[in-house]
Amino acid sequence: MITIAGPGLLLAATGVGGGDLATGSIVGSLLGTAVLWAVVVGAFLKYVVTEGLARWQLATGETFLEGVVHRLGPAVIIVFLPFLLLWSFFVGSAQMSACGIALHAIFPFFETPEQGKIVFGMASSITGIGLVLKGGYRLFEQVMRVCIGIMFVTVVLTAIMLWPGTGQVLAGLFIPRIPDAGGIGLTWTIALIGGIGGTLTVLGYGYWLREEGRTDPEELWICRLDLGAGYTMTAIFGIAMVIIGSTIQIQGQGTTLLVTLSDALGDLVGPVGKWLFLLGAFGAVFSSLLGVWQSVPYLFADCWGLIRQRARHTEGEPIPVNTRALPYRIYLAVLGIVPMIGLFWSFRDVQRLYTVTGALFFPFLAMALLIMCSRKSWIGAAFKTRPAGVVTLVAIVAFFCWVGWLEAMDRI
């Protein structure tokens, strides 16, 4: 049964964070609502990849990491683990920074945004660790329901208060075009497509499926509906942020962006609109932090089990990662504490490094799915990727290779 906070919606809430807030509002300010179609394209690309992950897991009983190790060789772990450590540092710093900035905008107790970012960022991380340790997946799911509701309702209400006109929004959604905007229209549109939703966090979906006891191949249709609902929410959130950004002139960046944005909204729609937006922004960034804190240690624990050749199956039935075991808990502590160093860095630099590492990973994920889900002998004829899916995955590989290259060259 699909619940309001099923794995697909948890994934969507995890993938929507500070980067989406910043990118959506900046793109809206620069390009207006003409590029709303790019949000839908980005959400669709992430849906295709995550559906492939779910299809592989339900068909074979293996997580994605188990699959690549068993089919492509154990050397994959040797490459993946250093990348996971590097990405974890950047994503951890980015999540703490975003939470710190959002809380400082709500509670401006400190003299500078930088001080608020550091203190509130550390407090958010410790709170996230405590919630994950205390209640495991079930408490995480309950807290995420609250964050999802706050994030979705308040940001969408803010966009409705600033509604630019139905005709203008529909044109942006269904008539693809890219304004020149002084030569930066293409790069920011690419950033919007590539940045919507998560990157490495999409792997968490498979572990949440196991936590929900969803292992029967016949349940694939439920996963598709679940993911469809999740990525629809992602797209609506991204569309709302572009609409909000399109109504104001963005000034400032980094730690001052959210404060500037909320003040501008206050001038347009009054204090109610300002505080609605700030609550939604905090719901978005804290749900993203909590989702990362809960899901990423699964990846390390899975790698640890594969290195030690411990299969997590009992009489052929897959079982969830033991979140009370040391591999999961140690990595949770590392993820929530070590990246605090990044709070003393520029918010913009941390977000860029996080975006670069995520963009570089995604084409490899899509390529692995293209190989694994196209082999009938591996996944079975009924679950093999259809020709249209193959074409889409090839396009995803090409697109994210391009995005990764542009990010690495510091062009976006």
Protein backbone atom coordinates (compact mmCIF):
# COMPACT_ATOMS: atom_id res chain seq x y z
CA MET A 1 0.00 0.00 0.00
CA ILE A 2 1.25 3.45 -0.93
CA THR A 3 1.41 5.83 2.01
CA ILE A 4 1.76 9.59 2.00
CA ALA A 5 5.45 9.17 2.80
CA GLY A 6 6.26 6.11 0.73
CA PRO A 7 9.85 5.50 -0.42
CA GLY A 8 9.28 7.56 -3.57
CA LEU A 9 8.20 10.63 -1.63
CA LEU A 10 11.02 10.13 0.87
CA LEU A 11 13.42 10.07 -2.06
CA ALA A 12 11.91 13.23 -3.51
CA ALA A 13 12.17 15.06 -0.18
CA THR A 14 15.78 13.92 0.19
CA GLY A 15 16.68 15.07 -3.31
CA VAL A 16 15.13 18.54 -2.92
CA GLY A 17 17.50 20.64 -0.84
CA GLY A 18 19.44 23.87 -0.69
CA GLY A 19 20.81 23.45 -4.21
CA ASP A 20 17.29 23.24 -5.66
CA LEU A 21 16.21 26.32 -3.71
CA ALA A 22 19.18 28.33 -4.96
CA THR A 23 19.22 27.06 -8.54
CA GLY A 24 15.45 27.31 -9.04
CA SER A 25 15.21 30.85 -7.69
CA ILE A 26 18.29 32.08 -9.58
CA VAL A 27 17.16 30.53 -12.87
CA GLY A 28 13.70 32.03 -12.39
CA SER A 29 15.21 35.45 -11.75
CA LEU A 30 17.47 35.24 -14.81
CA LEU A 31 15.29 33.40 -17.33
CA GLY A 32 11.75 33.72 -16.00
CA THR A 33 9.10 31.05 -16.46
CA ALA A 34 10.19 30.23 -20.03
CA VAL A 35 12.28 27.29 -18.78
CA LEU A 36 9.68 25.57 -16.59
CA TRP A 37 9.81 22.68 -19.08
CA ALA A 38 13.40 22.01 -17.98
CA VAL A 39 12.19 21.17 -14.46
CA VAL A 40 9.85 18.51 -15.86
CA VAL A 41 12.61 17.07 -18.06
CA GLY A 42 15.00 16.85 -15.09
CA ALA A 43 12.43 15.09 -12.91
CA PHE A 44 11.63 12.64 -15.73
CA LEU A 45 15.30 11.73 -16.22
CA LYS A 46 15.68 10.97 -12.51
CA TYR A 47 12.45 8.93 -12.60
CA VAL A 48 13.77 6.74 -15.43
CA VAL A 49 16.97 5.95 -13.55
CA THR A 50 15.27 5.26 -10.22
CA GLU A 51 12.66 3.05 -11.89
CA GLY A 52 15.55 1.04 -13.32
CA LEU A 53 17.02 0.63 -9.83
CA ALA A 54 13.67 -0.59 -8.48
CA ARG A 55 13.14 -2.94 -11.43
CA TRP A 56 16.57 -4.50 -10.97
CA GLN A 57 16.11 -4.99 -7.24
CA LEU A 58 12.63 -6.50 -7.43
CA ALA A 59 13.59 -8.78 -10.33
CA THR A 60 16.87 -10.08 -8.86
CA GLY A 61 16.51 -9.53 -5.09
CA GLU A 62 19.82 -7.60 -5.15
CA THR A 63 20.48 -3.97 -4.37
CA PHE A 64 22.23 -2.00 -7.08
CA LEU A 65 25.60 -2.32 -5.30
CA GLU A 66 25.14 -6.06 -4.84
CA GLY A 67 24.28 -6.32 -8.51
CA VAL A 68 27.28 -4.43 -9.86
CA VAL A 69 29.67 -6.38 -7.61
CA HIS A 70 28.22 -9.78 -8.49
CA ARG A 71 27.89 -9.03 -12.22
CA LEU A 72 30.68 -6.57 -12.96
CA GLY A 73 33.26 -7.62 -10.38
CA PRO A 74 34.40 -6.67 -6.85
CA ALA A 75 36.74 -3.99 -8.23
CA VAL A 76 33.68 -1.74 -8.39
CA ILE A 77 33.77 -1.39 -4.59
CA ILE A 78 37.42 -0.33 -4.71
CA VAL A 79 36.44 2.55 -7.01
CA PHE A 80 33.10 3.36 -5.39
CA LEU A 81 34.18 3.59 -1.74
CA PRO A 82 36.70 6.46 -2.18
CA PHE A 83 34.12 8.30 -4.27
CA LEU A 84 31.48 7.72 -1.57
CA LEU A 85 33.81 9.14 1.08
CA LEU A 86 34.60 12.22 -1.02
CA TRP A 87 30.98 12.82 -1.98
CA SER A 88 29.83 12.29 1.62
CA PHE A 89 32.11 15.08 2.81
CA PHE A 90 30.81 17.55 0.26
CA VAL A 91 27.14 16.57 0.60
CA GLY A 92 27.41 16.65 4.39
CA SER A 93 28.90 20.14 4.34
CA ALA A 94 26.32 21.34 1.82
CA GLN A 95 23.39 19.98 3.84
CA MET A 96 24.62 21.52 7.10
CA SER A 97 25.30 24.85 5.40
CA ALA A 98 21.84 24.98 3.83
CA CYS A 99 20.15 24.20 7.17
CA GLY A 100 22.31 26.76 8.95
CA ILE A 101 21.46 29.47 6.45
CA ALA A 102 17.72 28.68 6.57
CA LEU A 103 17.65 28.76 10.38
CA HIS A 104 19.64 31.99 10.50
CA ALA A 105 17.09 33.56 8.14
CA ILE A 106 14.33 32.52 10.58
CA PHE A 107 16.24 33.25 13.80
CA PRO A 108 18.79 36.01 13.08
CA PHE A 109 20.44 35.79 16.48
CA PHE A 110 24.00 36.17 15.20
CA GLU A 111 25.85 39.22 13.94
CA THR A 112 26.64 37.70 10.54
CA PRO A 113 25.05 35.00 8.37
CA GLU A 114 28.35 33.12 8.43
CA GLN A 115 28.20 32.73 12.22
CA GLY A 116 24.57 31.62 12.05
CA LYS A 117 25.39 29.12 9.30
CA ILE A 118 28.11 27.50 11.40
CA VAL A 119 26.21 27.25 14.69
CA PHE A 120 22.83 26.30 13.25
CA GLY A 121 24.46 23.94 10.74
CA MET A 122 26.20 22.00 13.50
CA ALA A 123 23.00 21.90 15.56
CA SER A 124 21.00 20.61 12.57
CA SER A 125 23.52 17.84 11.97
CA ILE A 126 23.52 16.68 15.59
CA THR A 127 19.71 16.74 15.61
CA GLY A 128 19.63 14.64 12.45
CA ILE A 129 22.04 12.10 13.91
CA GLY A 130 19.93 11.85 17.06
CA LEU A 131 16.69 11.29 15.14
CA VAL A 132 18.21 8.57 12.96
CA LEU A 133 19.83 6.79 15.92
CA LYS A 134 16.76 7.01 18.14
CA GLY A 135 14.03 5.72 15.89
CA GLY A 136 15.63 4.16 12.83
CA TYR A 137 13.61 4.04 9.64
CA ARG A 138 10.14 4.35 11.24
CA LEU A 139 10.86 7.57 13.15
CA PHE A 140 12.67 8.90 10.10
CA GLU A 141 9.56 8.23 8.01
CA GLN A 142 7.30 10.03 10.51
CA VAL A 143 9.53 13.10 10.78
CA MET A 144 9.83 13.25 7.01
CA ARG A 145 6.04 13.33 6.68
CA VAL A 146 6.00 16.56 8.68
CA CYS A 147 8.91 18.07 6.71
CA ILE A 148 7.36 17.06 3.38
CA GLY A 149 4.08 18.70 4.33
CA ILE A 150 5.75 21.93 5.45
CA MET A 151 8.01 22.05 2.40
CA PHE A 152 5.39 21.27 -0.20
CA VAL A 153 2.45 23.27 1.08
CA THR A 154 4.28 26.46 2.04
CA VAL A 155 6.48 26.78 -1.04
CA VAL A 156 3.58 26.03 -3.39
CA LEU A 157 1.36 28.52 -1.55
CA THR A 158 4.07 31.15 -1.91
CA ALA A 159 4.23 30.47 -5.66
CA ILE A 160 0.43 30.75 -5.91
CA MET A 161 0.54 34.09 -4.11
CA LEU A 162 3.03 35.26 -6.76
CA TRP A 163 1.25 33.53 -9.68
CA PRO A 164 2.37 35.19 -12.95
CA GLY A 165 -0.64 34.00 -14.96
CA THR A 166 -1.86 30.59 -16.11
CA GLY A 167 -1.09 31.25 -19.76
CA GLN A 168 2.49 32.22 -18.97
CA VAL A 169 3.04 29.13 -16.82
CA LEU A 170 1.53 26.77 -19.41
CA ALA A 171 3.70 28.31 -22.14
CA GLY A 172 6.80 27.73 -20.01
CA LEU A 173 5.80 24.12 -19.41
CA PHE A 174 4.78 23.09 -22.92
CA ILE A 175 6.73 25.36 -25.31
CA PRO A 176 10.43 24.54 -24.81
CA ARG A 177 12.68 27.53 -25.36
CA ILE A 178 15.82 28.93 -23.81
CA PRO A 179 16.14 32.72 -23.44
CA ASP A 180 19.57 34.04 -24.34
CA ALA A 181 19.88 36.23 -21.20
CA GLY A 182 23.21 37.63 -22.28
CA GLY A 183 24.66 34.27 -23.30
CA ILE A 184 24.00 32.45 -20.01
CA GLY A 185 20.58 30.98 -20.80
CA LEU A 186 21.84 27.59 -21.97
CA THR A 187 24.18 26.94 -19.05
CA TRP A 188 21.58 27.84 -16.43
CA THR A 189 18.95 25.73 -18.17
CA ILE A 190 21.35 22.77 -18.11
CA ALA A 191 21.99 23.44 -14.43
CA LEU A 192 18.24 23.37 -13.77
CA ILE A 193 17.79 20.03 -15.59
CA GLY A 194 20.80 18.39 -13.97
CA GLY A 195 20.23 19.78 -10.50
CA ILE A 196 16.57 18.90 -9.94
CA GLY A 197 16.19 15.98 -7.51
CA GLY A 198 19.05 13.92 -6.08
CA THR A 199 22.14 12.21 -7.47
CA LEU A 200 23.80 9.53 -5.34
CA THR A 201 20.85 9.61 -2.94
CA VAL A 202 18.66 7.82 -5.51
CA LEU A 203 20.44 4.61 -4.43
CA GLY A 204 18.70 4.96 -1.07
CA TYR A 205 15.41 4.02 -2.69
CA GLY A 206 16.35 0.34 -2.84
CA TYR A 207 17.12 0.20 0.88
CA TRP A 208 13.85 1.90 1.75
CA LEU A 209 12.04 -0.71 -0.37
CA ARG A 210 13.54 -3.42 1.85
CA GLU A 211 12.60 -1.51 4.98
CA GLU A 212 9.01 -1.45 3.70
CA GLY A 213 9.17 -5.19 2.96
CA ARG A 214 8.61 -4.54 -0.74
CA THR A 215 10.46 -7.44 -2.38
CA ASP A 216 7.89 -9.12 -4.65
CA PRO A 217 8.51 -8.53 -8.41
CA GLU A 218 4.75 -8.15 -8.80
CA GLU A 219 4.99 -4.93 -6.77
CA LEU A 220 6.88 -3.08 -9.51
CA TRP A 221 3.71 -1.25 -10.52
CA ILE A 222 3.43 0.09 -6.97
CA CYS A 223 7.02 1.35 -7.18
CA ARG A 224 6.25 3.07 -10.47
CA LEU A 225 3.25 4.85 -8.96
CA ASP A 226 5.24 5.68 -5.85
CA LEU A 227 8.13 7.11 -7.86
CA GLY A 228 5.73 8.92 -10.15
CA ALA A 229 4.17 10.64 -7.14
CA GLY A 230 7.60 11.46 -5.71
CA TYR A 231 9.04 12.98 -8.84
CA THR A 232 5.80 14.82 -9.56
CA MET A 233 6.26 16.46 -6.17
CA THR A 234 9.88 17.22 -7.08
CA ALA A 235 8.79 18.83 -10.33
CA ILE A 236 6.07 20.90 -8.63
CA PHE A 237 8.56 22.13 -6.04
CA GLY A 238 11.06 23.08 -8.76
CA ILE A 239 8.35 24.84 -10.78
CA ALA A 240 7.28 26.75 -7.66
CA MET A 241 10.86 27.90 -7.01
CA VAL A 242 11.29 29.11 -10.60
CA ILE A 243 8.00 31.02 -10.35
CA ILE A 244 9.07 32.57 -7.04
CA GLY A 245 12.43 33.55 -8.52
CA SER A 246 10.82 34.99 -11.64
CA THR A 247 8.96 37.61 -9.62
CA ILE A 248 12.02 39.20 -8.02
CA GLN A 249 15.51 40.35 -8.89
CA ILE A 250 17.99 38.09 -7.11
CA GLN A 251 20.81 39.98 -5.44
CA GLY A 252 23.50 38.33 -3.35
CA GLN A 253 24.68 34.77 -3.22
CA GLY A 254 25.84 32.18 -0.76
CA THR A 255 24.83 32.86 2.81
CA THR A 256 22.97 36.07 1.92
CA LEU A 257 20.81 34.59 -0.86
CA LEU A 258 18.02 33.14 1.29
CA VAL A 259 17.79 36.25 3.47
CA THR A 260 17.68 38.50 0.41
CA LEU A 261 15.08 36.30 -1.26
CA SER A 262 12.81 36.20 1.79
CA ASP A 263 13.09 40.00 2.28
CA ALA A 264 12.16 40.57 -1.37
CA LEU A 265 9.15 38.28 -0.96
CA GLY A 266 8.13 40.22 2.13
CA ASP A 267 8.10 43.42 0.08
CA LEU A 268 5.92 41.77 -2.58
CA VAL A 269 3.40 39.75 -0.57
CA GLY A 270 3.90 40.92 2.99
CA PRO A 271 5.21 39.17 6.12
CA VAL A 272 2.85 36.18 5.71
CA GLY A 273 4.38 35.30 2.35
CA LYS A 274 7.88 35.82 3.69
CA TRP A 275 7.39 33.48 6.63
CA LEU A 276 5.55 30.91 4.56
CA PHE A 277 8.54 30.76 2.25
CA LEU A 278 11.08 30.55 5.08
CA LEU A 279 9.18 27.68 6.72
CA GLY A 280 9.00 25.86 3.40
CA ALA A 281 12.68 26.46 2.75
CA PHE A 282 13.63 25.02 6.13
CA GLY A 283 11.32 22.04 5.59
CA ALA A 284 13.08 21.40 2.28
CA VAL A 285 16.65 21.63 3.53
CA PHE A 286 16.12 19.76 6.80
CA SER A 287 14.22 16.93 5.12
CA SER A 288 17.07 16.69 2.63
CA LEU A 289 19.65 16.55 5.44
CA LEU A 290 17.66 13.94 7.34
CA GLY A 291 17.20 11.84 4.21
CA VAL A 292 20.92 11.92 3.45
CA TRP A 293 21.85 11.10 7.06
CA GLN A 294 19.47 8.12 7.03
CA SER A 295 20.17 6.74 3.54
CA VAL A 296 23.88 7.24 2.82
CA PRO A 297 25.12 5.01 5.70
CA TYR A 298 23.17 2.18 4.00
CA LEU A 299 25.60 2.46 1.09
CA PHE A 300 28.66 2.12 3.31
CA ALA A 301 27.12 -0.74 5.28
CA ASP A 302 26.26 -2.52 2.02
CA CYS A 303 29.82 -2.03 0.74
CA TRP A 304 31.21 -3.31 4.04
CA GLY A 305 29.08 -6.43 3.82
CA LEU A 306 30.14 -7.04 0.22
CA ILE A 307 33.82 -6.62 1.09
CA ARG A 308 33.39 -9.16 3.88
CA GLN A 309 31.27 -11.31 1.56
CA ARG A 310 28.24 -11.23 3.81
CA ALA A 311 25.10 -11.64 1.75
CA ARG A 312 22.03 -10.12 3.35
CA HIS A 313 19.63 -12.90 2.44
CA THR A 314 17.87 -15.50 4.57
CA GLU A 315 16.67 -18.55 2.63
CA GLY A 316 16.62 -16.43 -0.51
CA GLU A 317 14.64 -13.60 1.09
CA PRO A 318 16.48 -10.21 1.18
CA ILE A 319 16.63 -8.45 4.53
CA PRO A 320 17.27 -4.76 5.34
CA VAL A 321 20.64 -3.38 6.42
CA ASN A 322 21.04 -3.60 10.19
CA THR A 323 20.91 0.06 11.18
CA ARG A 324 21.93 -0.82 14.74
CA ALA A 325 25.18 -2.45 13.63
CA LEU A 326 28.51 -0.63 13.79
CA PRO A 327 29.14 -0.10 10.04
CA TYR A 328 25.92 1.89 9.66
CA ARG A 329 26.27 3.85 12.90
CA ILE A 330 29.96 4.65 12.48
CA TYR A 331 29.38 6.02 9.01
CA LEU A 332 26.40 8.05 10.25
CA ALA A 333 28.67 9.66 12.84
CA VAL A 334 31.39 10.31 10.27
CA LEU A 335 28.86 11.80 7.83
CA GLY A 336 27.34 14.06 10.48
CA ILE A 337 30.54 15.27 12.15
CA VAL A 338 33.58 15.33 9.83
CA PRO A 339 31.93 17.59 7.16
CA MET A 340 31.43 20.28 9.82
CA ILE A 341 34.84 21.49 8.62
CA GLY A 342 33.11 22.62 5.44
CA LEU A 343 30.91 25.03 7.41
CA PHE A 344 33.93 27.33 7.59
CA TRP A 345 34.20 27.40 3.79
CA SER A 346 32.25 29.47 1.30
CA PHE A 347 28.70 28.17 0.90
CA ARG A 348 28.95 28.68 -2.86
CA ASP A 349 32.18 26.63 -3.09
CA VAL A 350 30.73 23.78 -1.03
CA GLN A 351 27.57 23.68 -3.14
CA ARG A 352 29.64 23.66 -6.33
CA LEU A 353 31.87 20.78 -5.18
CA TYR A 354 28.79 18.81 -4.10
CA THR A 355 27.13 19.45 -7.47
CA VAL A 356 30.25 18.50 -9.44
CA THR A 357 30.75 15.17 -7.66
CA GLY A 358 27.07 14.30 -8.02
CA ALA A 359 26.98 15.22 -11.70
CA LEU A 360 30.07 13.09 -12.36
CA PHE A 361 28.48 10.03 -10.70
CA PHE A 362 25.14 10.02 -12.49
CA PRO A 363 26.31 8.96 -15.99
CA PHE A 364 28.11 5.95 -14.48
CA LEU A 365 24.92 4.98 -12.65
CA ALA A 366 22.85 5.25 -15.83
CA MET A 367 25.50 3.33 -17.80
CA ALA A 368 25.54 0.50 -15.26
CA LEU A 369 21.75 0.26 -15.39
CA LEU A 370 21.90 0.28 -19.19
CA ILE A 371 24.19 -2.76 -19.07
CA MET A 372 22.57 -4.66 -16.21
CA CYS A 373 18.92 -4.14 -17.11
CA SER A 374 19.45 -4.94 -20.79
CA ARG A 375 20.75 -8.47 -20.18
CA LYS A 376 17.85 -10.92 -20.28
CA SER A 377 19.98 -13.59 -18.63
CA TRP A 378 20.57 -11.27 -15.65
CA ILE A 379 17.22 -9.59 -15.09
CA GLY A 380 14.76 -11.81 -16.96
CA ALA A 381 12.75 -11.17 -20.11
CA ALA A 382 9.80 -9.61 -18.27
CA PHE A 383 11.96 -6.93 -16.60
CA LYS A 384 14.44 -6.25 -19.39
CA THR A 385 14.67 -2.60 -20.43
CA ARG A 386 12.56 -1.92 -23.49
CA PRO A 387 13.99 -0.12 -26.58
CA ALA A 388 12.47 3.23 -25.56
CA GLY A 389 14.08 2.85 -22.12
CA VAL A 390 17.45 2.04 -23.70
CA VAL A 391 17.28 5.20 -25.80
CA THR A 392 16.36 7.27 -22.75
CA LEU A 393 19.21 5.83 -20.67
CA VAL A 394 21.69 6.52 -23.49
CA ALA A 395 20.42 10.11 -23.60
CA ILE A 396 20.82 10.37 -19.81
CA VAL A 397 24.40 9.10 -20.00
CA ALA A 398 25.23 11.63 -22.73
CA PHE A 399 23.48 14.51 -20.96
CA PHE A 400 25.05 13.99 -17.55
CA CYS A 401 28.50 13.43 -19.08
CA TRP A 402 28.05 16.85 -20.65
CA VAL A 403 26.82 18.38 -17.40
CA GLY A 404 29.70 16.81 -15.47
CA TRP A 405 32.19 18.17 -17.97
CA LEU A 406 30.71 21.67 -17.86
CA GLU A 407 30.69 21.57 -14.04
CA ALA A 408 34.30 20.38 -13.92
CA MET A 409 35.29 23.16 -16.33
CA ASP A 410 33.54 25.67 -14.02
CA ARG A 411 31.16 26.81 -16.72
CA ILE A 412 27.90 26.35 -14.81
